[in-house]
């Protein structure tokens, strides 16, 4: 006879369901999938990979693994049990994640058994069918149905709302039972289940944490996009054994606006300050005592942007003075005269403390990750004073005073000479970092990297923000379609793109950070332009950046001169940003420094205040916004256009958008948007990573990757508007074409000097920009220089060549050579133009596989 409990205990549910028809999405114990028992298009099936229970919220089917196996293969119940037993065979028990039990966040103790999953599911299903309770959560608590489903909120037989509290293994250790009008409002599941716990425990994977006082605040904070965690039981239930779990985290504490909340926040801040990377306590701008984070969001309209301002203004809590354990730190004699030896010992102490890494080298500079005012992780250069402070914390520096029996060791500061010697080292014994990412990204080989932290191979640091991202798996057509709908018909649907190409380029900019390692080359500038203000350029730039980073792009204003451009580019690249946004371009975009940055994989410049050069990898995705900005030809060739046009006089007064507050919607649905981006990329990877049909000169690798992804997804228009961009931007070329037409009409192929050509230009008002608005001598000098620069250049149907020198004044004379194809019949000319376009490096060209070609 088969022991059913033993059989189930030996099944790895996640592996079983994945191998038997389900594409599981989500993280933690609760997953979702398309229901195989009806025509499902909305991930209606909920699956618990800890206990194997499943339920479809659309068709109502539910059961355990045996019932799934029976339905899936049309078996009788007994046949399903026997078939599962044969599959399990004599194999051992379930394999836990990573092959070993998860690390516990609780001290060993006897505790009651886990709460049955069947009970959690029953309460959850009861809540979904209880309109009054659902209305309370939706309207009073501000939760969405997605949040209610994700965290399996329920309602028990006593009409209390239930919140499942799980441990690291996914087992339910408490059901917090809430009723808004009863006393007490919150109760544990039963006697013995009231132990305070962290919720949700999976949030500890994040580098940043927002520590809330209660579950309702925590759920709402996570819903709007914050990496929130709380401890059950109130402000005074902090446990000492939780403190080490926050080591190296950037923690922001936000408790209730009352005395208990203020005192509790202060106590927790003091506990965390010695171990966390940074601790801040936010005071909410609310009016009433006892109001909390939920009130701030629901009553006062608090937003993510306002939250970041509050965090930026909050004081960093310094750890209290404490006696360091000298036995725990390396000992270094600061009085030794051996400079090289002291430096070696100091570096050894840094290496020992730099695991996991937090100190890096970038462009020959010693850097560390710090949070900016908006909560963004960025690299900052470690100064001499900063390095001295680091050394004081990673080793015990001492001096010997007295002699003989009176000798004793006293504390000392790291010697300045040692710090200077370390700063002057040609390289530092810390990891090299290329960029910081804040979402899972793909490596060069197409493998999706889901593990937070530093990755040596790619030199990338994945700074996890704790968002809930559904599992990507191997996308099927329905999932690809759902991913496209999220991006095209939810996130980007209300922007007035003038063509498919503009929309495709917006998606390209959004996908860029997720595949940057796969692009072995530079990436172009994504120019978001419109004919007038208020069309949504800055908003589009923001929502393009939010999926990958959780915030708007870092902005950089245009430089007034070349030196300013260069300094600003260097300054922004040191921080290793995901996006760089040149906001609100007003002048003609013409910068040799920016042009170089857009076509380089490495950027070299001098650091302000230093004599040495630094070389920085360029991994950012470039964005720019402007109202009908003017571009030089060189900049246009480095740009893809995203043009918006609402075709109304006052576009900022438009109404009727699908999401009235799109930024807030993007923050709240960031996990889904990241899933959508990853799904489109994964679909391309599964399809063999076929290159895109079009390439772009100097950006061939970018076009192959992004174009391939968009082709696989069926998103049309990629690189379809380049000629319009070049025509609109290339004002100077248009002037030369008009001038050469007039030149050929008047002089034909005969050579002419500057005097004749200047007179022609002046009589017909040609080359106005080239000649400038100075006096006649100034205009002649400028035109002479311009003619010299145009030598051997093709302009329209002519080539401008130098035809020798004037015998009298030794000045250059020029003539036009009409290209051979220009004099042929139209059909021949058309073919020649196609050939000319295909050989012009900066134009898009279609890659065609021709099996019939004799070549």
Foldseek 3Di string as FASTA:
>chain_A
DDDVVVLQQADQLVVVVVVQDFDWKWDAQWTFTADPPDDGLDRQKIAGRLRQWIAGPPPGDTDGPLVCQCVSVVHDSVVSVVVSCVVSDPDDGHQAPPRDDDDFLDDDDDADDFDDVVQLQVQLSQCVVDVVNVCCCCPVLVDDVVLCVVQSWGADPVRWIWGFAATPRRTGLWTWTADPPDVPRTDTPDPRSPQKDKPPPLLLLFQEEEEEFDDSLQSVCLLLFFSYMYIPDGLPRDDLSNQLSQAQHAYEYWYFQAPSRVVSLVVVLQSNQVGYPWYFYFDQPDDDHRHGNSCCCPVVVDHLQVVLQRQLPTDIDHHDDDDDDQVVAAEDELPDPPLVVRLVVLLVLVVVVQVVHQWADFLQFIWGWDADSSRFTWIDGQDLVNSQVVSVPSHFYWHWDDDDPPIDIDGDGRDSSSSVVQRPDSHGPGHHAAAEWAQWAAAQLRDTDHRAAADRVLSYGHRYRSRIAMDQGQDDLSLLVVLCCCQDVPQPPPQAFPDLQLSLVLLLLLLQLRCLNNQPFFAFEEEEEEQDPQRCRQVSQFLSCCLTGVGHFAEDEDDPDQVRNQQRVVVVQNGRGQEYEHEADDAAPDYPNVLCLRLDQWDWDDHVPDDDIGIGGRRHHHYYYYNLHAYELSNLLRYRYNYTYPPDPNNNPDDDDPDPPSSSVCSSCSSVNNSSSSNLLSNCVVVVLAFAFKAFFSRRSSRGRSNSSCVSSVRDNHQVCSVVSSVSRHPQLVLVLVLVVQCCVPPNFDKFDLVVSLVSCVVVVTPDVQQDDDDPVSSSVSVLVVLVVQAQPDRVQWGKHWDAADPPPRRIIIGIDGHPLVPDDPVSVVVVVLVVQVPPRSGMDGHDDDPPDPD
